[in-house]
Amino acid sequence: MKDICNSILKLLTDTDIAVVGIDGLGGAGKSTVSEEICSEIEHHNVHTILLHIDDFINVKAVRYNSAYPEWQCYYDLQWRYDYFNKIINQIKNKINSSIEIELYDKDNDRYITKNYDVIEKTVIVAEGIFLQRKELQGIFDYMIYIDVPEDVRMTRVLKRDTYIGNEQQIIDKYENRYFPAERKYFNEYHPEQSADRVIGE
């Protein structure tokens, strides 16, 4: 992890704000890796802002649209990419100030706001799925892809995503909504080939 962070820190020789993406499919371990990276960077006395793409999703009325197959809702209607782009650009222009960001409150299906401080030499770490899609091209200065086989990820989400229901309900959710969209993304964008760094299982 230290060599990855050293590569990220080198970006700050040419810019005040560096944007790092932690891409990977469901259950790959993106949150854990992003937290480790932020912790390591902060040990170098560099400010970090950690953003989760799942905090930038649309409300249920938008992302669950019965007019489309479940996987297509997930792929095409899930995220507020325009707003995410806007926020990243605003952060880059708000050095030595603070920025208010709308984040999705999943418990109440609404948006809440949170303030983030922006200072010189800040690393924004954004973790989430599908970060190398065309809608987000040009945002990231450094991209990490976590490559974990589907069967391993399924084992993980069966333990993690119990909020969905029992084991069969979790399997059905992934087979109907998540995995078809993930396969489309993987086949269309080949994220393991275009990332700056790939982390294996």
C-alpha atoms as a PDB file:
ATOM      1  CA  MET A   1       0.000   0.000   0.000  1.00  0.00           C
ATOM      2  CA  LYS A   2       2.911   2.360   0.693  1.00  0.00           C
ATOM      3  CA  ASP A   3       4.116   2.302  -2.909  1.00  0.00           C
ATOM      4  CA  ILE A   4       0.604   3.144  -4.119  1.00  0.00           C
ATOM      5  CA  CYS A   5       0.433   6.072  -1.711  1.00  0.00           C
ATOM      6  CA  ASN A   6       3.868   7.270  -2.807  1.00  0.00           C
ATOM      7  CA  SER A   7       2.622   7.344  -6.396  1.00  0.00           C
ATOM      8  CA  ILE A   8      -0.408   9.340  -5.282  1.00  0.00           C
ATOM      9  CA  LEU A   9       1.654  11.786  -3.252  1.00  0.00           C
ATOM     10  CA  LYS A  10       3.877  12.463  -6.257  1.00  0.00           C
ATOM     11  CA  LEU A  11       0.830  13.889  -8.017  1.00  0.00           C
ATOM     12  CA  LEU A  12       0.859  16.778  -5.555  1.00  0.00           C
ATOM     13  CA  THR A  13       4.120  18.083  -6.980  1.00  0.00           C
ATOM     14  CA  ASP A  14       2.155  19.375  -9.976  1.00  0.00           C
ATOM     15  CA  THR A  15      -1.257  20.130  -8.453  1.00  0.00           C
ATOM     16  CA  ASP A  16      -2.879  21.197  -5.193  1.00  0.00           C
ATOM     17  CA  ILE A  17      -5.800  18.769  -5.487  1.00  0.00           C
ATOM     18  CA  ALA A  18      -5.302  15.174  -6.631  1.00  0.00           C
ATOM     19  CA  VAL A  19      -8.315  12.951  -7.340  1.00  0.00           C
ATOM     20  CA  VAL A  20      -7.879   9.203  -6.866  1.00  0.00           C
ATOM     21  CA  GLY A  21     -10.454   6.589  -7.854  1.00  0.00           C
ATOM     22  CA  ILE A  22     -10.838   3.208  -6.168  1.00  0.00           C
ATOM     23  CA  ASP A  23     -12.806   1.179  -8.701  1.00  0.00           C
ATOM     24  CA  GLY A  24     -14.063  -2.370  -8.327  1.00  0.00           C
ATOM     25  CA  LEU A  25     -17.194  -4.467  -8.532  1.00  0.00           C
ATOM     26  CA  GLY A  26     -19.550  -5.270  -5.664  1.00  0.00           C
ATOM     27  CA  GLY A  27     -17.813  -6.917  -2.717  1.00  0.00           C
ATOM     28  CA  ALA A  28     -14.294  -6.272  -4.019  1.00  0.00           C
ATOM     29  CA  GLY A  29     -13.194  -4.432  -0.872  1.00  0.00           C
ATOM     30  CA  LYS A  30     -13.192  -0.859  -2.136  1.00  0.00           C
ATOM     31  CA  SER A  31     -14.164   0.744   1.178  1.00  0.00           C
ATOM     32  CA  THR A  32     -11.404  -1.039   3.081  1.00  0.00           C
ATOM     33  CA  VAL A  33      -8.720  -0.137   0.550  1.00  0.00           C
ATOM     34  CA  SER A  34      -9.828   3.499   0.352  1.00  0.00           C
ATOM     35  CA  GLU A  35      -9.721   3.866   4.125  1.00  0.00           C
ATOM     36  CA  GLU A  36      -6.240   2.336   4.232  1.00  0.00           C
ATOM     37  CA  ILE A  37      -5.031   4.711   1.537  1.00  0.00           C
ATOM     38  CA  CYS A  38      -6.471   7.751   3.304  1.00  0.00           C
ATOM     39  CA  SER A  39      -4.857   6.680   6.571  1.00  0.00           C
ATOM     40  CA  GLU A  40      -1.458   6.190   4.944  1.00  0.00           C
ATOM     41  CA  ILE A  41      -1.618   9.526   3.104  1.00  0.00           C
ATOM     42  CA  GLU A  42      -2.608  11.361   6.276  1.00  0.00           C
ATOM     43  CA  HIS A  43       0.493   9.914   7.972  1.00  0.00           C
ATOM     44  CA  HIS A  44       2.385  12.129   5.532  1.00  0.00           C
ATOM     45  CA  ASN A  45       0.468  15.155   6.869  1.00  0.00           C
ATOM     46  CA  VAL A  46      -1.573  15.457   3.683  1.00  0.00           C
ATOM     47  CA  HIS A  47      -5.270  16.254   3.958  1.00  0.00           C
ATOM     48  CA  THR A  48      -7.713  13.744   2.469  1.00  0.00           C
ATOM     49  CA  ILE A  49     -11.387  13.811   1.534  1.00  0.00           C
ATOM     50  CA  LEU A  50     -13.028  10.393   1.223  1.00  0.00           C
ATOM     51  CA  LEU A  51     -16.103  10.213  -0.985  1.00  0.00           C
ATOM     52  CA  HIS A  52     -18.290   7.184  -1.661  1.00  0.00           C
ATOM     53  CA  ILE A  53     -20.068   7.008  -5.016  1.00  0.00           C
ATOM     54  CA  ASP A  54     -22.993   5.355  -3.227  1.00  0.00           C
ATOM     55  CA  ASP A  55     -23.566   8.678  -1.449  1.00  0.00           C
ATOM     56  CA  PHE A  56     -24.329  10.144  -4.877  1.00  0.00           C
ATOM     57  CA  ILE A  57     -27.217   7.909  -5.906  1.00  0.00           C
ATOM     58  CA  ASN A  58     -30.679   8.924  -7.019  1.00  0.00           C
ATOM     59  CA  VAL A  59     -33.701   8.501  -4.767  1.00  0.00           C
ATOM     60  CA  LYS A  60     -35.642   5.232  -5.051  1.00  0.00           C
ATOM     61  CA  ALA A  61     -38.337   6.714  -7.269  1.00  0.00           C
ATOM     62  CA  VAL A  62     -35.660   7.330  -9.903  1.00  0.00           C
ATOM     63  CA  ARG A  63     -33.346   4.343  -9.569  1.00  0.00           C
ATOM     64  CA  TYR A  64     -36.132   1.764  -9.297  1.00  0.00           C
ATOM     65  CA  ASN A  65     -38.135   2.283 -12.463  1.00  0.00           C
ATOM     66  CA  SER A  66     -40.399  -0.622 -13.397  1.00  0.00           C
ATOM     67  CA  ALA A  67     -40.286   0.429 -17.048  1.00  0.00           C
ATOM     68  CA  TYR A  68     -36.759  -1.007 -17.279  1.00  0.00           C
ATOM     69  CA  PRO A  69     -35.095  -4.283 -16.304  1.00  0.00           C
ATOM     70  CA  GLU A  70     -33.496  -4.204 -12.862  1.00  0.00           C
ATOM     71  CA  TRP A  71     -29.944  -4.389 -14.179  1.00  0.00           C
ATOM     72  CA  GLN A  72     -30.575  -1.436 -16.500  1.00  0.00           C
ATOM     73  CA  CYS A  73     -31.972   0.652 -13.646  1.00  0.00           C
ATOM     74  CA  TYR A  74     -28.767  -0.048 -11.740  1.00  0.00           C
ATOM     75  CA  TYR A  75     -26.528   0.725 -14.688  1.00  0.00           C
ATOM     76  CA  ASP A  76     -28.295   3.766 -16.115  1.00  0.00           C
ATOM     77  CA  LEU A  77     -30.413   5.291 -13.332  1.00  0.00           C
ATOM     78  CA  GLN A  78     -28.535   4.667 -10.094  1.00  0.00           C
ATOM     79  CA  TRP A  79     -26.087   7.568  -9.825  1.00  0.00           C
ATOM     80  CA  ARG A  80     -26.041  11.353 -10.011  1.00  0.00           C
ATOM     81  CA  TYR A  81     -22.976  11.537 -12.217  1.00  0.00           C
ATOM     82  CA  ASP A  82     -23.564  15.167 -13.227  1.00  0.00           C
ATOM     83  CA  TYR A  83     -23.699  16.229  -9.594  1.00  0.00           C
ATOM     84  CA  PHE A  84     -20.595  14.214  -8.713  1.00  0.00           C
ATOM     85  CA  ASN A  85     -18.696  15.872 -11.570  1.00  0.00           C
ATOM     86  CA  LYS A  86     -19.862  19.271 -10.382  1.00  0.00           C
ATOM     87  CA  ILE A  87     -18.717  18.606  -6.819  1.00  0.00           C
ATOM     88  CA  ILE A  88     -15.243  17.453  -7.849  1.00  0.00           C
ATOM     89  CA  ASN A  89     -14.780  20.592  -9.942  1.00  0.00           C
ATOM     90  CA  GLN A  90     -16.011  22.782  -7.093  1.00  0.00           C
ATOM     91  CA  ILE A  91     -13.582  21.182  -4.649  1.00  0.00           C
ATOM     92  CA  LYS A  92     -10.709  21.941  -7.024  1.00  0.00           C
ATOM     93  CA  ASN A  93     -11.755  25.596  -7.024  1.00  0.00           C
ATOM     94  CA  LYS A  94     -12.355  25.985  -3.288  1.00  0.00           C
ATOM     95  CA  ILE A  95      -8.858  25.705  -1.825  1.00  0.00           C
ATOM     96  CA  ASN A  96      -8.646  27.091   1.721  1.00  0.00           C
ATOM     97  CA  SER A  97     -12.407  27.081   2.162  1.00  0.00           C
ATOM     98  CA  SER A  98     -15.189  24.585   2.770  1.00  0.00           C
ATOM     99  CA  ILE A  99     -17.737  22.991   0.497  1.00  0.00           C
ATOM    100  CA  GLU A 100     -21.233  21.744   1.251  1.00  0.00           C
ATOM    101  CA  ILE A 101     -22.083  18.432  -0.422  1.00  0.00           C
ATOM    102  CA  GLU A 102     -25.425  16.685  -0.732  1.00  0.00           C
ATOM    103  CA  LEU A 103     -25.168  13.054   0.360  1.00  0.00           C
ATOM    104  CA  TYR A 104     -27.819  10.388   0.060  1.00  0.00           C
ATOM    105  CA  ASP A 105     -29.457   9.316   3.331  1.00  0.00           C
ATOM    106  CA  LYS A 106     -30.475   5.724   2.606  1.00  0.00           C
ATOM    107  CA  ASP A 107     -32.485   5.354   5.817  1.00  0.00           C
ATOM    108  CA  ASN A 108     -34.837   8.162   4.820  1.00  0.00           C
ATOM    109  CA  ASP A 109     -34.428   8.171   1.018  1.00  0.00           C
ATOM    110  CA  ARG A 110     -33.483  11.826   0.907  1.00  0.00           C
ATOM    111  CA  TYR A 111     -30.424  14.058   0.789  1.00  0.00           C
ATOM    112  CA  ILE A 112     -28.543  15.583   3.681  1.00  0.00           C
ATOM    113  CA  THR A 113     -25.649  18.027   3.518  1.00  0.00           C
ATOM    114  CA  LYS A 114     -22.163  17.731   4.949  1.00  0.00           C
ATOM    115  CA  ASN A 115     -19.348  20.273   4.950  1.00  0.00           C
ATOM    116  CA  TYR A 116     -15.832  19.336   3.865  1.00  0.00           C
ATOM    117  CA  ASP A 117     -12.746  21.467   4.366  1.00  0.00           C
ATOM    118  CA  VAL A 118     -10.501  21.983   1.357  1.00  0.00           C
ATOM    119  CA  ILE A 119      -6.888  23.010   1.853  1.00  0.00           C
ATOM    120  CA  GLU A 120      -3.781  23.154  -0.291  1.00  0.00           C
ATOM    121  CA  LYS A 121      -2.372  19.723  -1.011  1.00  0.00           C
ATOM    122  CA  THR A 122      -5.531  17.677  -0.625  1.00  0.00           C
ATOM    123  CA  VAL A 123      -6.098  14.168  -1.971  1.00  0.00           C
ATOM    124  CA  ILE A 124      -9.681  13.289  -2.827  1.00  0.00           C
ATOM    125  CA  VAL A 125     -10.210   9.531  -2.636  1.00  0.00           C
ATOM    126  CA  ALA A 126     -13.445   8.442  -4.331  1.00  0.00           C
ATOM    127  CA  GLU A 127     -14.437   4.798  -4.032  1.00  0.00           C
ATOM    128  CA  GLY A 128     -17.182   2.998  -5.847  1.00  0.00           C
ATOM    129  CA  ILE A 129     -18.300   0.879  -8.716  1.00  0.00           C
ATOM    130  CA  PHE A 130     -18.145   1.850 -12.406  1.00  0.00           C
ATOM    131  CA  LEU A 131     -15.701   4.735 -11.868  1.00  0.00           C
ATOM    132  CA  GLN A 132     -14.135   4.330 -15.306  1.00  0.00           C
ATOM    133  CA  ARG A 133     -17.348   4.940 -17.220  1.00  0.00           C
ATOM    134  CA  LYS A 134     -17.445   7.676 -19.852  1.00  0.00           C
ATOM    135  CA  GLU A 135     -19.614   9.823 -17.553  1.00  0.00           C
ATOM    136  CA  LEU A 136     -16.630  10.220 -15.205  1.00  0.00           C
ATOM    137  CA  GLN A 137     -13.791  10.443 -17.689  1.00  0.00           C
ATOM    138  CA  GLY A 138     -11.357  13.271 -17.035  1.00  0.00           C
ATOM    139  CA  ILE A 139     -12.083  13.484 -13.294  1.00  0.00           C
ATOM    140  CA  PHE A 140      -9.418  11.184 -11.903  1.00  0.00           C
ATOM    141  CA  ASP A 141      -5.676  11.711 -11.778  1.00  0.00           C
ATOM    142  CA  TYR A 142      -4.968   8.158 -10.631  1.00  0.00           C
ATOM    143  CA  MET A 143      -7.145   5.059 -10.865  1.00  0.00           C
ATOM    144  CA  ILE A 144      -6.906   1.839  -8.864  1.00  0.00           C
ATOM    145  CA  TYR A 145      -8.946  -1.195  -9.832  1.00  0.00           C
ATOM    146  CA  ILE A 146      -9.557  -4.012  -7.346  1.00  0.00           C
ATOM    147  CA  ASP A 147      -9.894  -7.239  -9.304  1.00  0.00           C
ATOM    148  CA  VAL A 148     -11.729  -9.979  -7.396  1.00  0.00           C
ATOM    149  CA  PRO A 149     -13.534 -12.961  -9.008  1.00  0.00           C
ATOM    150  CA  GLU A 150     -17.325 -12.969  -8.991  1.00  0.00           C
ATOM    151  CA  ASP A 151     -17.627 -16.134  -6.896  1.00  0.00           C
ATOM    152  CA  VAL A 152     -15.401 -14.680  -4.175  1.00  0.00           C
ATOM    153  CA  ARG A 153     -17.395 -11.473  -4.155  1.00  0.00           C
ATOM    154  CA  MET A 154     -20.658 -13.398  -3.905  1.00  0.00           C
ATOM    155  CA  THR A 155     -19.370 -15.199  -0.822  1.00  0.00           C
ATOM    156  CA  ARG A 156     -18.543 -11.838   0.736  1.00  0.00           C
ATOM    157  CA  VAL A 157     -21.855 -10.145  -0.036  1.00  0.00           C
ATOM    158  CA  LEU A 158     -23.827 -13.097   1.330  1.00  0.00           C
ATOM    159  CA  LYS A 159     -22.280 -12.271   4.698  1.00  0.00           C
ATOM    160  CA  ARG A 160     -22.373  -8.502   4.271  1.00  0.00           C
ATOM    161  CA  ASP A 161     -25.683  -7.639   2.612  1.00  0.00           C
ATOM    162  CA  THR A 162     -28.099  -9.245   5.052  1.00  0.00           C
ATOM    163  CA  TYR A 163     -30.226  -6.078   4.878  1.00  0.00           C
ATOM    164  CA  ILE A 164     -31.489  -7.415   1.532  1.00  0.00           C
ATOM    165  CA  GLY A 165     -32.971 -10.529   3.159  1.00  0.00           C
ATOM    166  CA  ASN A 166     -32.069 -14.182   3.408  1.00  0.00           C
ATOM    167  CA  GLU A 167     -29.370 -15.908   1.345  1.00  0.00           C
ATOM    168  CA  GLN A 168     -31.612 -16.667  -1.618  1.00  0.00           C
ATOM    169  CA  GLN A 169     -32.950 -13.106  -1.703  1.00  0.00           C
ATOM    170  CA  ILE A 170     -29.393 -11.765  -1.776  1.00  0.00           C
ATOM    171  CA  ILE A 171     -28.465 -14.143  -4.608  1.00  0.00           C
ATOM    172  CA  ASP A 172     -31.570 -13.133  -6.572  1.00  0.00           C
ATOM    173  CA  LYS A 173     -30.818  -9.432  -6.084  1.00  0.00           C
ATOM    174  CA  TYR A 174     -27.292  -9.812  -7.394  1.00  0.00           C
ATOM    175  CA  GLU A 175     -28.235 -12.066 -10.291  1.00  0.00           C
ATOM    176  CA  ASN A 176     -31.098  -9.790 -11.402  1.00  0.00           C
ATOM    177  CA  ARG A 177     -29.745  -6.316 -10.655  1.00  0.00           C
ATOM    178  CA  TYR A 178     -26.051  -6.092  -9.872  1.00  0.00           C
ATOM    179  CA  PHE A 179     -24.153  -8.829 -11.713  1.00  0.00           C
ATOM    180  CA  PRO A 180     -25.638  -8.220 -15.201  1.00  0.00           C
ATOM    181  CA  ALA A 181     -24.735  -4.514 -14.928  1.00  0.00           C
ATOM    182  CA  GLU A 182     -21.264  -5.364 -13.626  1.00  0.00           C
ATOM    183  CA  ARG A 183     -20.660  -7.761 -16.513  1.00  0.00           C
ATOM    184  CA  LYS A 184     -21.713  -5.085 -18.996  1.00  0.00           C
ATOM    185  CA  TYR A 185     -19.307  -2.596 -17.420  1.00  0.00           C
ATOM    186  CA  PHE A 186     -16.435  -5.087 -17.340  1.00  0.00           C
ATOM    187  CA  ASN A 187     -16.922  -6.157 -20.956  1.00  0.00           C
ATOM    188  CA  GLU A 188     -17.401  -2.627 -22.251  1.00  0.00           C
ATOM    189  CA  TYR A 189     -14.698  -0.759 -20.355  1.00  0.00           C
ATOM    190  CA  HIS A 190     -12.123  -3.424 -19.398  1.00  0.00           C
ATOM    191  CA  PRO A 191     -11.364  -1.546 -16.173  1.00  0.00           C
ATOM    192  CA  GLU A 192      -8.506  -3.863 -15.237  1.00  0.00           C
ATOM    193  CA  GLN A 193      -6.645  -2.742 -18.373  1.00  0.00           C
ATOM    194  CA  SER A 194      -7.195   1.005 -18.156  1.00  0.00           C
ATOM    195  CA  ALA A 195      -6.458   1.513 -14.442  1.00  0.00           C
ATOM    196  CA  ASP A 196      -3.116   2.893 -13.314  1.00  0.00           C
ATOM    197  CA  ARG A 197      -2.817   0.143 -10.744  1.00  0.00           C
ATOM    198  CA  VAL A 198      -4.589  -3.183 -10.272  1.00  0.00           C
ATOM    199  CA  ILE A 199      -4.892  -4.850  -6.882  1.00  0.00           C
ATOM    200  CA  GLY A 200      -5.688  -8.562  -6.869  1.00  0.00           C
ATOM    201  CA  GLU A 201      -7.752 -10.624  -4.492  1.00  0.00           C
END
